[in-house]
PDB file of all heavy atoms in Angstrom:
ATOM      1  N   GLU A   1      -4.793  12.767   5.434  1.00  0.00           N
ATOM      2  CA  GLU A   1      -5.505  13.329   4.277  1.00  0.00           C
ATOM      3  C   GLU A   1      -6.484  12.306   3.699  1.00  0.00           C
ATOM      4  O   GLU A   1      -7.632  12.644   3.356  1.00  0.00           O
ATOM      5  CB  GLU A   1      -4.498  13.762   3.209  1.00  0.00           C
ATOM      6  CG  GLU A   1      -5.146  14.331   1.951  1.00  0.00           C
ATOM      7  CD  GLU A   1      -4.165  14.514   0.799  1.00  0.00           C
ATOM      8  OE1 GLU A   1      -2.936  14.372   1.026  1.00  0.00           O
ATOM      9  OE2 GLU A   1      -4.625  14.779  -0.336  1.00  0.00           O
ATOM     10  N   ALA A   2      -6.040  11.052   3.596  1.00  0.00           N
ATOM     11  CA  ALA A   2      -6.894  10.001   3.027  1.00  0.00           C
ATOM     12  C   ALA A   2      -8.090   9.717   3.932  1.00  0.00           C
ATOM     13  O   ALA A   2      -9.214   9.532   3.450  1.00  0.00           O
ATOM     14  CB  ALA A   2      -6.073   8.731   2.820  1.00  0.00           C
ATOM     15  N   ARG A   3      -7.862   9.678   5.253  1.00  0.00           N
ATOM     16  CA  ARG A   3      -8.974   9.436   6.181  1.00  0.00           C
ATOM     17  C   ARG A   3     -10.010  10.556   6.098  1.00  0.00           C
ATOM     18  O   ARG A   3     -11.217  10.292   6.106  1.00  0.00           O
ATOM     19  CB  ARG A   3      -8.451   9.295   7.612  1.00  0.00           C
ATOM     20  CG  ARG A   3      -7.779   7.961   7.907  1.00  0.00           C
ATOM     21  CD  ARG A   3      -7.518   7.776   9.388  1.00  0.00           C
ATOM     22  NE  ARG A   3      -6.497   8.689   9.879  1.00  0.00           N
ATOM     23  CZ  ARG A   3      -5.208   8.373  10.022  1.00  0.00           C
ATOM     24  NH1 ARG A   3      -4.791   7.147   9.695  1.00  0.00           N
ATOM     25  NH2 ARG A   3      -4.341   9.250  10.490  1.00  0.00           N
ATOM     26  N   ALA A   4      -9.530  11.795   6.020  1.00  0.00           N
ATOM     27  CA  ALA A   4     -10.440  12.938   5.934  1.00  0.00           C
ATOM     28  C   ALA A   4     -11.242  12.901   4.630  1.00  0.00           C
ATOM     29  O   ALA A   4     -12.453  13.158   4.617  1.00  0.00           O
ATOM     30  CB  ALA A   4      -9.651  14.245   6.035  1.00  0.00           C
ATOM     31  N   PHE A   5     -10.564  12.558   3.532  1.00  0.00           N
ATOM     32  CA  PHE A   5     -11.249  12.487   2.238  1.00  0.00           C
ATOM     33  C   PHE A   5     -12.336  11.411   2.268  1.00  0.00           C
ATOM     34  O   PHE A   5     -13.449  11.620   1.788  1.00  0.00           O
ATOM     35  CB  PHE A   5     -10.238  12.186   1.131  1.00  0.00           C
ATOM     36  CG  PHE A   5     -10.803  12.279  -0.263  1.00  0.00           C
ATOM     37  CD1 PHE A   5     -10.734  13.452  -0.985  1.00  0.00           C
ATOM     38  CD2 PHE A   5     -11.421  11.182  -0.859  1.00  0.00           C
ATOM     39  CE1 PHE A   5     -11.262  13.545  -2.277  1.00  0.00           C
ATOM     40  CE2 PHE A   5     -11.953  11.247  -2.133  1.00  0.00           C
ATOM     41  CZ  PHE A   5     -11.867  12.445  -2.846  1.00  0.00           C
ATOM     42  N   ALA A   6     -12.003  10.238   2.846  1.00  0.00           N
ATOM     43  CA  ALA A   6     -12.967   9.146   2.920  1.00  0.00           C
ATOM     44  C   ALA A   6     -14.155   9.521   3.793  1.00  0.00           C
ATOM     45  O   ALA A   6     -15.310   9.166   3.499  1.00  0.00           O
ATOM     46  CB  ALA A   6     -12.288   7.889   3.467  1.00  0.00           C
ATOM     47  N   TYR A   7     -13.906  10.250   4.875  1.00  0.00           N
ATOM     48  CA  TYR A   7     -14.977  10.650   5.802  1.00  0.00           C
ATOM     49  C   TYR A   7     -15.937  11.640   5.153  1.00  0.00           C
ATOM     50  O   TYR A   7     -17.149  11.585   5.377  1.00  0.00           O
ATOM     51  CB  TYR A   7     -14.362  11.269   7.051  1.00  0.00           C
ATOM     52  CG  TYR A   7     -15.366  11.692   8.094  1.00  0.00           C
ATOM     53  CD1 TYR A   7     -16.007  10.753   8.896  1.00  0.00           C
ATOM     54  CD2 TYR A   7     -15.676  13.047   8.261  1.00  0.00           C
ATOM     55  CE1 TYR A   7     -16.943  11.140   9.843  1.00  0.00           C
ATOM     56  CE2 TYR A   7     -16.603  13.450   9.205  1.00  0.00           C
ATOM     57  CZ  TYR A   7     -17.238  12.491  10.001  1.00  0.00           C
ATOM     58  OH  TYR A   7     -18.167  12.886  10.940  1.00  0.00           O
ATOM     59  N   GLU A   8     -15.385  12.523   4.316  1.00  0.00           N
ATOM     60  CA  GLU A   8     -16.196  13.600   3.739  1.00  0.00           C
ATOM     61  C   GLU A   8     -16.749  13.261   2.362  1.00  0.00           C
ATOM     62  O   GLU A   8     -17.537  14.035   1.804  1.00  0.00           O
ATOM     63  CB  GLU A   8     -15.339  14.872   3.631  1.00  0.00           C
ATOM     64  CG  GLU A   8     -14.894  15.411   4.997  1.00  0.00           C
ATOM     65  CD  GLU A   8     -13.800  16.450   4.883  1.00  0.00           C
ATOM     66  OE1 GLU A   8     -13.393  16.756   3.725  1.00  0.00           O
ATOM     67  OE2 GLU A   8     -13.341  16.940   5.931  1.00  0.00           O
ATOM     68  N   ILE A   9     -16.361  12.132   1.811  1.00  0.00           N
ATOM     69  CA  ILE A   9     -16.768  11.787   0.450  1.00  0.00           C
ATOM     70  C   ILE A   9     -18.281  11.635   0.367  1.00  0.00           C
ATOM     71  O   ILE A   9     -18.909  10.963   1.210  1.00  0.00           O
ATOM     72  CB  ILE A   9     -16.060  10.493  -0.016  1.00  0.00           C
ATOM     73  CG1 ILE A   9     -16.200  10.272  -1.514  1.00  0.00           C
ATOM     74  CG2 ILE A   9     -16.586   9.269   0.719  1.00  0.00           C
ATOM     75  CD1 ILE A   9     -15.307   9.153  -2.047  1.00  0.00           C
ATOM     76  N   PRO A  10     -18.935  12.279  -0.588  1.00  0.00           N
ATOM     77  CA  PRO A  10     -20.398  12.186  -0.687  1.00  0.00           C
ATOM     78  C   PRO A  10     -20.851  10.809  -1.188  1.00  0.00           C
ATOM     79  O   PRO A  10     -20.116  10.125  -1.913  1.00  0.00           O
ATOM     80  CB  PRO A  10     -20.750  13.290  -1.691  1.00  0.00           C
ATOM     81  CG  PRO A  10     -19.507  13.495  -2.495  1.00  0.00           C
ATOM     82  CD  PRO A  10     -18.369  13.215  -1.566  1.00  0.00           C
ATOM     83  N   GLU A  11     -22.028  10.411  -0.792  1.00  0.00           N
ATOM     84  CA  GLU A  11     -22.611   9.150  -1.239  1.00  0.00           C
ATOM     85  C   GLU A  11     -22.702   9.127  -2.757  1.00  0.00           C
ATOM     86  O   GLU A  11     -23.138  10.102  -3.379  1.00  0.00           O
ATOM     87  CB  GLU A  11     -23.997   8.964  -0.615  1.00  0.00           C
ATOM     88  CG  GLU A  11     -24.605   7.593  -0.832  1.00  0.00           C
ATOM     89  CD  GLU A  11     -23.909   6.510  -0.009  1.00  0.00           C
ATOM     90  OE1 GLU A  11     -23.403   6.823   1.086  1.00  0.00           O
ATOM     91  OE2 GLU A  11     -23.873   5.355  -0.471  1.00  0.00           O
ATOM     92  N   GLY A  12     -22.253   8.045  -3.356  1.00  0.00           N
ATOM     93  CA  GLY A  12     -22.338   7.915  -4.806  1.00  0.00           C
ATOM     94  C   GLY A  12     -21.132   8.446  -5.557  1.00  0.00           C
ATOM     95  O   GLY A  12     -21.042   8.308  -6.781  1.00  0.00           O
ATOM     96  N   SER A  13     -20.157   9.022  -4.841  1.00  0.00           N
ATOM     97  CA  SER A  13     -18.958   9.524  -5.502  1.00  0.00           C
ATOM     98  C   SER A  13     -18.143   8.365  -6.061  1.00  0.00           C
ATOM     99  O   SER A  13     -18.046   7.298  -5.456  1.00  0.00           O
ATOM    100  CB  SER A  13     -18.106  10.324  -4.511  1.00  0.00           C
ATOM    101  OG  SER A  13     -16.857  10.656  -5.088  1.00  0.00           O
ATOM    102  N   LEU A  14     -17.553   8.577  -7.225  1.00  0.00           N
ATOM    103  CA  LEU A  14     -16.726   7.548  -7.849  1.00  0.00           C
ATOM    104  C   LEU A  14     -15.238   7.790  -7.620  1.00  0.00           C
ATOM    105  O   LEU A  14     -14.397   7.087  -8.175  1.00  0.00           O
ATOM    106  CB  LEU A  14     -17.024   7.481  -9.348  1.00  0.00           C
ATOM    107  CG  LEU A  14     -18.454   7.046  -9.716  1.00  0.00           C
ATOM    108  CD1 LEU A  14     -18.629   7.009 -11.223  1.00  0.00           C
ATOM    109  CD2 LEU A  14     -18.774   5.690  -9.114  1.00  0.00           C
ATOM    110  N   SER A  15     -14.912   8.764  -6.803  1.00  0.00           N
ATOM    111  CA  SER A  15     -13.529   9.045  -6.462  1.00  0.00           C
ATOM    112  C   SER A  15     -13.201   8.389  -5.126  1.00  0.00           C
ATOM    113  O   SER A  15     -13.955   8.555  -4.156  1.00  0.00           O
ATOM    114  CB  SER A  15     -13.308  10.554  -6.377  1.00  0.00           C
ATOM    115  OG  SER A  15     -11.949  10.856  -6.150  1.00  0.00           O
ATOM    116  N   TYR A  16     -12.087   7.632  -5.081  1.00  0.00           N
ATOM    117  CA  TYR A  16     -11.780   6.880  -3.857  1.00  0.00           C
ATOM    118  C   TYR A  16     -10.336   7.146  -3.417  1.00  0.00           C
ATOM    119  O   TYR A  16      -9.406   7.104  -4.233  1.00  0.00           O
ATOM    120  CB  TYR A  16     -11.978   5.378  -4.079  1.00  0.00           C
ATOM    121  CG  TYR A  16     -12.334   4.662  -2.801  1.00  0.00           C
ATOM    122  CD1 TYR A  16     -13.666   4.511  -2.417  1.00  0.00           C
ATOM    123  CD2 TYR A  16     -11.347   4.186  -1.942  1.00  0.00           C
ATOM    124  CE1 TYR A  16     -14.008   3.892  -1.219  1.00  0.00           C
ATOM    125  CE2 TYR A  16     -11.670   3.568  -0.751  1.00  0.00           C
ATOM    126  CZ  TYR A  16     -13.009   3.423  -0.394  1.00  0.00           C
ATOM    127  OH  TYR A  16     -13.349   2.827   0.800  1.00  0.00           O
ATOM    128  N   PRO A  17     -10.149   7.412  -2.105  1.00  0.00           N
ATOM    129  CA  PRO A  17      -8.815   7.777  -1.618  1.00  0.00           C
ATOM    130  C   PRO A  17      -7.871   6.589  -1.476  1.00  0.00           C
ATOM    131  O   PRO A  17      -8.242   5.525  -0.975  1.00  0.00           O
ATOM    132  CB  PRO A  17      -9.106   8.399  -0.253  1.00  0.00           C
ATOM    133  CG  PRO A  17     -10.356   7.720   0.212  1.00  0.00           C
ATOM    134  CD  PRO A  17     -11.170   7.477  -1.039  1.00  0.00           C
ATOM    135  N   VAL A  18      -6.620   6.789  -1.911  1.00  0.00           N
ATOM    136  CA  VAL A  18      -5.560   5.792  -1.737  1.00  0.00           C
ATOM    137  C   VAL A  18      -4.297   6.496  -1.251  1.00  0.00           C
ATOM    138  O   VAL A  18      -4.103   7.684  -1.495  1.00  0.00           O
ATOM    139  CB  VAL A  18      -5.253   5.021  -3.042  1.00  0.00           C
ATOM    140  CG1 VAL A  18      -6.490   4.332  -3.589  1.00  0.00           C
ATOM    141  CG2 VAL A  18      -4.642   5.954  -4.082  1.00  0.00           C
ATOM    142  N   VAL A  19      -3.458   5.736  -0.569  1.00  0.00           N
ATOM    143  CA  VAL A  19      -2.125   6.208  -0.194  1.00  0.00           C
ATOM    144  C   VAL A  19      -1.123   5.156  -0.655  1.00  0.00           C
ATOM    145  O   VAL A  19      -1.194   3.997  -0.230  1.00  0.00           O
ATOM    146  CB  VAL A  19      -1.986   6.415   1.334  1.00  0.00           C
ATOM    147  CG1 VAL A  19      -0.558   6.859   1.669  1.00  0.00           C
ATOM    148  CG2 VAL A  19      -2.994   7.425   1.842  1.00  0.00           C
ATOM    149  N   TYR A  20      -0.214   5.543  -1.536  1.00  0.00           N
ATOM    150  CA  TYR A  20       0.853   4.655  -1.987  1.00  0.00           C
ATOM    151  C   TYR A  20       2.177   5.161  -1.389  1.00  0.00           C
ATOM    152  O   TYR A  20       2.453   6.362  -1.402  1.00  0.00           O
ATOM    153  CB  TYR A  20       0.942   4.638  -3.504  1.00  0.00           C
ATOM    154  CG  TYR A  20      -0.268   4.029  -4.185  1.00  0.00           C
ATOM    155  CD1 TYR A  20      -0.621   4.384  -5.483  1.00  0.00           C
ATOM    156  CD2 TYR A  20      -1.068   3.103  -3.532  1.00  0.00           C
ATOM    157  CE1 TYR A  20      -1.724   3.823  -6.119  1.00  0.00           C
ATOM    158  CE2 TYR A  20      -2.183   2.541  -4.152  1.00  0.00           C
ATOM    159  CZ  TYR A  20      -2.503   2.911  -5.436  1.00  0.00           C
ATOM    160  OH  TYR A  20      -3.609   2.362  -6.035  1.00  0.00           O
ATOM    161  N   PHE A  21       2.970   4.243  -0.877  1.00  0.00           N
ATOM    162  CA  PHE A  21       4.174   4.646  -0.159  1.00  0.00           C
ATOM    163  C   PHE A  21       5.342   3.726  -0.499  1.00  0.00           C
ATOM    164  O   PHE A  21       5.154   2.598  -0.962  1.00  0.00           O
ATOM    165  CB  PHE A  21       3.921   4.617   1.357  1.00  0.00           C
ATOM    166  CG  PHE A  21       3.545   3.255   1.883  1.00  0.00           C
ATOM    167  CD1 PHE A  21       4.513   2.365   2.338  1.00  0.00           C
ATOM    168  CD2 PHE A  21       2.212   2.844   1.906  1.00  0.00           C
ATOM    169  CE1 PHE A  21       4.174   1.104   2.802  1.00  0.00           C
ATOM    170  CE2 PHE A  21       1.867   1.579   2.371  1.00  0.00           C
ATOM    171  CZ  PHE A  21       2.843   0.716   2.825  1.00  0.00           C
ATOM    172  N   ASP A  22       6.538   4.215  -0.256  1.00  0.00           N
ATOM    173  CA  ASP A  22       7.734   3.375  -0.336  1.00  0.00           C
ATOM    174  C   ASP A  22       7.880   2.635   0.991  1.00  0.00           C
ATOM    175  O   ASP A  22       7.751   3.229   2.062  1.00  0.00           O
ATOM    176  CB  ASP A  22       8.980   4.231  -0.593  1.00  0.00           C
ATOM    177  CG  ASP A  22       9.007   4.798  -2.002  1.00  0.00           C
ATOM    178  OD1 ASP A  22       8.624   4.075  -2.934  1.00  0.00           O
ATOM    179  OD2 ASP A  22       9.400   5.980  -2.155  1.00  0.00           O
ATOM    180  N   SER A  23       8.146   1.340   0.918  1.00  0.00           N
ATOM    181  CA  SER A  23       8.213   0.523   2.122  1.00  0.00           C
ATOM    182  C   SER A  23       9.303   1.030   3.059  1.00  0.00           C
ATOM    183  O   SER A  23      10.438   1.277   2.638  1.00  0.00           O
ATOM    184  CB  SER A  23       8.474  -0.936   1.744  1.00  0.00           C
ATOM    185  OG  SER A  23       8.551  -1.731   2.897  1.00  0.00           O
ATOM    186  N   ASP A  24       8.942   1.175   4.344  1.00  0.00           N
ATOM    187  CA  ASP A  24       9.913   1.668   5.318  1.00  0.00           C
ATOM    188  C   ASP A  24       9.792   0.953   6.658  1.00  0.00           C
ATOM    189  O   ASP A  24      10.159   1.489   7.697  1.00  0.00           O
ATOM    190  CB  ASP A  24       9.738   3.182   5.530  1.00  0.00           C
ATOM    191  CG  ASP A  24       8.350   3.550   6.062  1.00  0.00           C
ATOM    192  OD1 ASP A  24       7.483   2.654   6.142  1.00  0.00           O
ATOM    193  OD2 ASP A  24       8.148   4.729   6.407  1.00  0.00           O
ATOM    194  N   THR A  25       9.276  -0.290   6.635  1.00  0.00           N
ATOM    195  CA  THR A  25       9.098  -1.049   7.875  1.00  0.00           C
ATOM    196  C   THR A  25      10.091  -2.208   7.955  1.00  0.00           C
ATOM    197  O   THR A  25      10.633  -2.655   6.940  1.00  0.00           O
ATOM    198  CB  THR A  25       7.662  -1.603   7.973  1.00  0.00           C
ATOM    199  OG1 THR A  25       7.346  -2.333   6.786  1.00  0.00           O
ATOM    200  CG2 THR A  25       6.660  -0.473   8.150  1.00  0.00           C
ATOM    201  N   SER A  26      10.313  -2.690   9.154  1.00  0.00           N
ATOM    202  CA  SER A  26      11.280  -3.769   9.385  1.00  0.00           C
ATOM    203  C   SER A  26      10.888  -5.035   8.626  1.00  0.00           C
ATOM    204  O   SER A  26       9.711  -5.392   8.543  1.00  0.00           O
ATOM    205  CB  SER A  26      11.366  -4.091  10.883  1.00  0.00           C
ATOM    206  OG  SER A  26      11.865  -2.987  11.602  1.00  0.00           O
ATOM    207  N   GLY A  27      11.905  -5.704   8.076  1.00  0.00           N
ATOM    208  CA  GLY A  27      11.711  -7.029   7.507  1.00  0.00           C
ATOM    209  C   GLY A  27      11.117  -7.090   6.120  1.00  0.00           C
ATOM    210  O   GLY A  27      10.818  -8.170   5.622  1.00  0.00           O
ATOM    211  N   GLU A  28      10.939  -5.934   5.466  1.00  0.00           N
ATOM    212  CA  GLU A  28      10.349  -5.957   4.123  1.00  0.00           C
ATOM    213  C   GLU A  28      11.427  -6.142   3.063  1.00  0.00           C
ATOM    214  O   GLU A  28      12.405  -5.402   3.009  1.00  0.00           O
ATOM    215  CB  GLU A  28       9.566  -4.677   3.848  1.00  0.00           C
ATOM    216  CG  GLU A  28       8.209  -4.626   4.528  1.00  0.00           C
ATOM    217  CD  GLU A  28       7.228  -5.651   4.005  1.00  0.00           C
ATOM    218  OE1 GLU A  28       7.469  -6.253   2.942  1.00  0.00           O
ATOM    219  OE2 GLU A  28       6.202  -5.862   4.685  1.00  0.00           O
ATOM    220  N   LYS A  29      11.224  -7.133   2.211  1.00  0.00           N
ATOM    221  CA  LYS A  29      12.125  -7.429   1.097  1.00  0.00           C
ATOM    222  C   LYS A  29      11.431  -6.954  -0.171  1.00  0.00           C
ATOM    223  O   LYS A  29      10.240  -7.231  -0.367  1.00  0.00           O
ATOM    224  CB  LYS A  29      12.361  -8.943   1.063  1.00  0.00           C
ATOM    225  CG  LYS A  29      13.525  -9.441   0.249  1.00  0.00           C
ATOM    226  CD  LYS A  29      13.648 -10.955   0.482  1.00  0.00           C
ATOM    227  CE  LYS A  29      14.839 -11.553  -0.223  1.00  0.00           C
ATOM    228  NZ  LYS A  29      14.950 -13.005   0.069  1.00  0.00           N
ATOM    229  N   ASP A  30      12.128  -6.248  -1.044  1.00  0.00           N
ATOM    230  CA  ASP A  30      11.440  -5.653  -2.183  1.00  0.00           C
ATOM    231  C   ASP A  30      11.279  -6.608  -3.365  1.00  0.00           C
ATOM    232  O   ASP A  30      10.742  -6.239  -4.399  1.00  0.00           O
ATOM    233  CB  ASP A  30      12.126  -4.357  -2.638  1.00  0.00           C
ATOM    234  CG  ASP A  30      13.590  -4.559  -3.018  1.00  0.00           C
ATOM    235  OD1 ASP A  30      14.039  -5.718  -3.021  1.00  0.00           O
ATOM    236  OD2 ASP A  30      14.276  -3.557  -3.300  1.00  0.00           O
ATOM    237  N   PHE A  31      11.744  -7.875  -3.210  1.00  0.00           N
ATOM    238  CA  PHE A  31      11.549  -8.877  -4.259  1.00  0.00           C
ATOM    239  C   PHE A  31      11.463 -10.247  -3.586  1.00  0.00           C
ATOM    240  O   PHE A  31      11.670 -10.376  -2.385  1.00  0.00           O
ATOM    241  CB  PHE A  31      12.701  -8.856  -5.267  1.00  0.00           C
ATOM    242  CG  PHE A  31      14.023  -9.277  -4.670  1.00  0.00           C
ATOM    243  CD1 PHE A  31      14.471 -10.577  -4.799  1.00  0.00           C
ATOM    244  CD2 PHE A  31      14.809  -8.373  -3.967  1.00  0.00           C
ATOM    245  CE1 PHE A  31      15.673 -10.977  -4.234  1.00  0.00           C
ATOM    246  CE2 PHE A  31      16.018  -8.759  -3.400  1.00  0.00           C
ATOM    247  CZ  PHE A  31      16.441 -10.063  -3.533  1.00  0.00           C
ATOM    248  N   GLU A  32      11.128 -11.271  -4.371  1.00  0.00           N
ATOM    249  CA  GLU A  32      10.978 -12.613  -3.824  1.00  0.00           C
ATOM    250  C   GLU A  32      11.851 -13.601  -4.582  1.00  0.00           C
ATOM    251  O   GLU A  32      12.132 -13.418  -5.767  1.00  0.00           O
ATOM    252  CB  GLU A  32       9.511 -13.058  -3.895  1.00  0.00           C
ATOM    253  CG  GLU A  32       8.617 -12.298  -2.921  1.00  0.00           C
ATOM    254  CD  GLU A  32       7.196 -12.835  -2.910  1.00  0.00           C
ATOM    255  OE1 GLU A  32       6.597 -12.959  -3.987  1.00  0.00           O
ATOM    256  OE2 GLU A  32       6.685 -13.120  -1.821  1.00  0.00           O
ATOM    257  N   GLU A  33      12.255 -14.658  -3.877  1.00  0.00           N
ATOM    258  CA  GLU A  33      13.031 -15.735  -4.489  1.00  0.00           C
ATOM    259  C   GLU A  33      12.639 -17.048  -3.808  1.00  0.00           C
ATOM    260  O   GLU A  33      12.199 -17.053  -2.660  1.00  0.00           O
ATOM    261  CB  GLU A  33      14.530 -15.466  -4.347  1.00  0.00           C
ATOM    262  CG  GLU A  33      14.983 -15.201  -2.920  1.00  0.00           C
ATOM    263  CD  GLU A  33      16.391 -14.644  -2.834  1.00  0.00           C
ATOM    264  OE1 GLU A  33      17.212 -14.937  -3.721  1.00  0.00           O
ATOM    265  OE2 GLU A  33      16.664 -13.918  -1.865  1.00  0.00           O
ATOM    266  N   PHE A  34      12.779 -18.146  -4.543  1.00  0.00           N
ATOM    267  CA  PHE A  34      12.326 -19.440  -4.037  1.00  0.00           C
ATOM    268  C   PHE A  34      13.457 -20.367  -3.614  1.00  0.00           C
ATOM    269  O   PHE A  34      13.230 -21.314  -2.881  1.00  0.00           O
ATOM    270  CB  PHE A  34      11.474 -20.139  -5.094  1.00  0.00           C
ATOM    271  CG  PHE A  34      10.166 -19.438  -5.378  1.00  0.00           C
ATOM    272  CD1 PHE A  34       9.925 -18.887  -6.625  1.00  0.00           C
ATOM    273  CD2 PHE A  34       9.194 -19.323  -4.406  1.00  0.00           C
ATOM    274  CE1 PHE A  34       8.731 -18.240  -6.892  1.00  0.00           C
ATOM    275  CE2 PHE A  34       7.995 -18.686  -4.666  1.00  0.00           C
ATOM    276  CZ  PHE A  34       7.762 -18.137  -5.913  1.00  0.00           C
ATOM    277  N   TYR A  35      14.663 -20.139  -4.103  1.00  0.00           N
ATOM    278  CA  TYR A  35      15.782 -21.009  -3.740  1.00  0.00           C
ATOM    279  C   TYR A  35      17.063 -20.193  -3.709  1.00  0.00           C
ATOM    280  O   TYR A  35      17.120 -19.059  -4.208  1.00  0.00           O
ATOM    281  CB  TYR A  35      15.902 -22.195  -4.700  1.00  0.00           C
ATOM    282  CG  TYR A  35      15.990 -21.821  -6.165  1.00  0.00           C
ATOM    283  CD1 TYR A  35      17.218 -21.609  -6.781  1.00  0.00           C
ATOM    284  CD2 TYR A  35      14.841 -21.692  -6.934  1.00  0.00           C
ATOM    285  CE1 TYR A  35      17.308 -21.267  -8.119  1.00  0.00           C
ATOM    286  CE2 TYR A  35      14.912 -21.348  -8.286  1.00  0.00           C
ATOM    287  CZ  TYR A  35      16.145 -21.136  -8.864  1.00  0.00           C
ATOM    288  OH  TYR A  35      16.226 -20.789 -10.188  1.00  0.00           O
ATOM    289  N   VAL A  36      18.094 -20.769  -3.119  1.00  0.00           N
ATOM    290  CA  VAL A  36      19.352 -20.045  -2.914  1.00  0.00           C
ATOM    291  C   VAL A  36      20.504 -20.907  -3.422  1.00  0.00           C
ATOM    292  O   VAL A  36      20.351 -22.122  -3.622  1.00  0.00           O
ATOM    293  CB  VAL A  36      19.555 -19.708  -1.415  1.00  0.00           C
ATOM    294  CG1 VAL A  36      18.430 -18.817  -0.918  1.00  0.00           C
ATOM    295  CG2 VAL A  36      19.632 -20.979  -0.570  1.00  0.00           C
ATOM    296  N   PRO A  37      21.668 -20.311  -3.643  1.00  0.00           N
ATOM    297  CA  PRO A  37      22.831 -21.101  -4.078  1.00  0.00           C
ATOM    298  C   PRO A  37      23.129 -22.240  -3.105  1.00  0.00           C
ATOM    299  O   PRO A  37      23.013 -22.095  -1.893  1.00  0.00           O
ATOM    300  CB  PRO A  37      23.967 -20.058  -4.076  1.00  0.00           C
ATOM    301  CG  PRO A  37      23.277 -18.749  -4.291  1.00  0.00           C
ATOM    302  CD  PRO A  37      21.961 -18.864  -3.590  1.00  0.00           C
ATOM    303  N   GLY A  38      23.492 -23.387  -3.681  1.00  0.00           N
ATOM    304  CA  GLY A  38      23.794 -24.558  -2.869  1.00  0.00           C
ATOM    305  C   GLY A  38      22.638 -25.537  -2.781  1.00  0.00           C
ATOM    306  O   GLY A  38      22.834 -26.690  -2.363  1.00  0.00           O
ATOM    307  N   GLU A  39      21.432 -25.099  -3.159  1.00  0.00           N
ATOM    308  CA  GLU A  39      20.275 -26.002  -3.169  1.00  0.00           C
ATOM    309  C   GLU A  39      20.127 -26.584  -4.579  1.00  0.00           C
ATOM    310  O   GLU A  39      20.102 -25.825  -5.559  1.00  0.00           O
ATOM    311  CB  GLU A  39      19.006 -25.256  -2.758  1.00  0.00           C
ATOM    312  CG  GLU A  39      19.057 -24.761  -1.323  1.00  0.00           C
ATOM    313  CD  GLU A  39      17.835 -23.967  -0.910  1.00  0.00           C
ATOM    314  OE1 GLU A  39      17.175 -23.359  -1.775  1.00  0.00           O
ATOM    315  OE2 GLU A  39      17.537 -23.943   0.301  1.00  0.00           O
TER     316      GLU A  39
END
C-alpha cells in the first residue's frame, strides 16, 4: 500500500506514506542497557 501511494503521489503533495510496525525479526531487543549485574 505504501509503495503504491508513493508511486502515485502527485508532485508537490505534502502527504507522505509511512508504515509503522511491531518488531518481528530475529535478534531485536525492545530496550537497551549498558551494563549487567556483576560488573
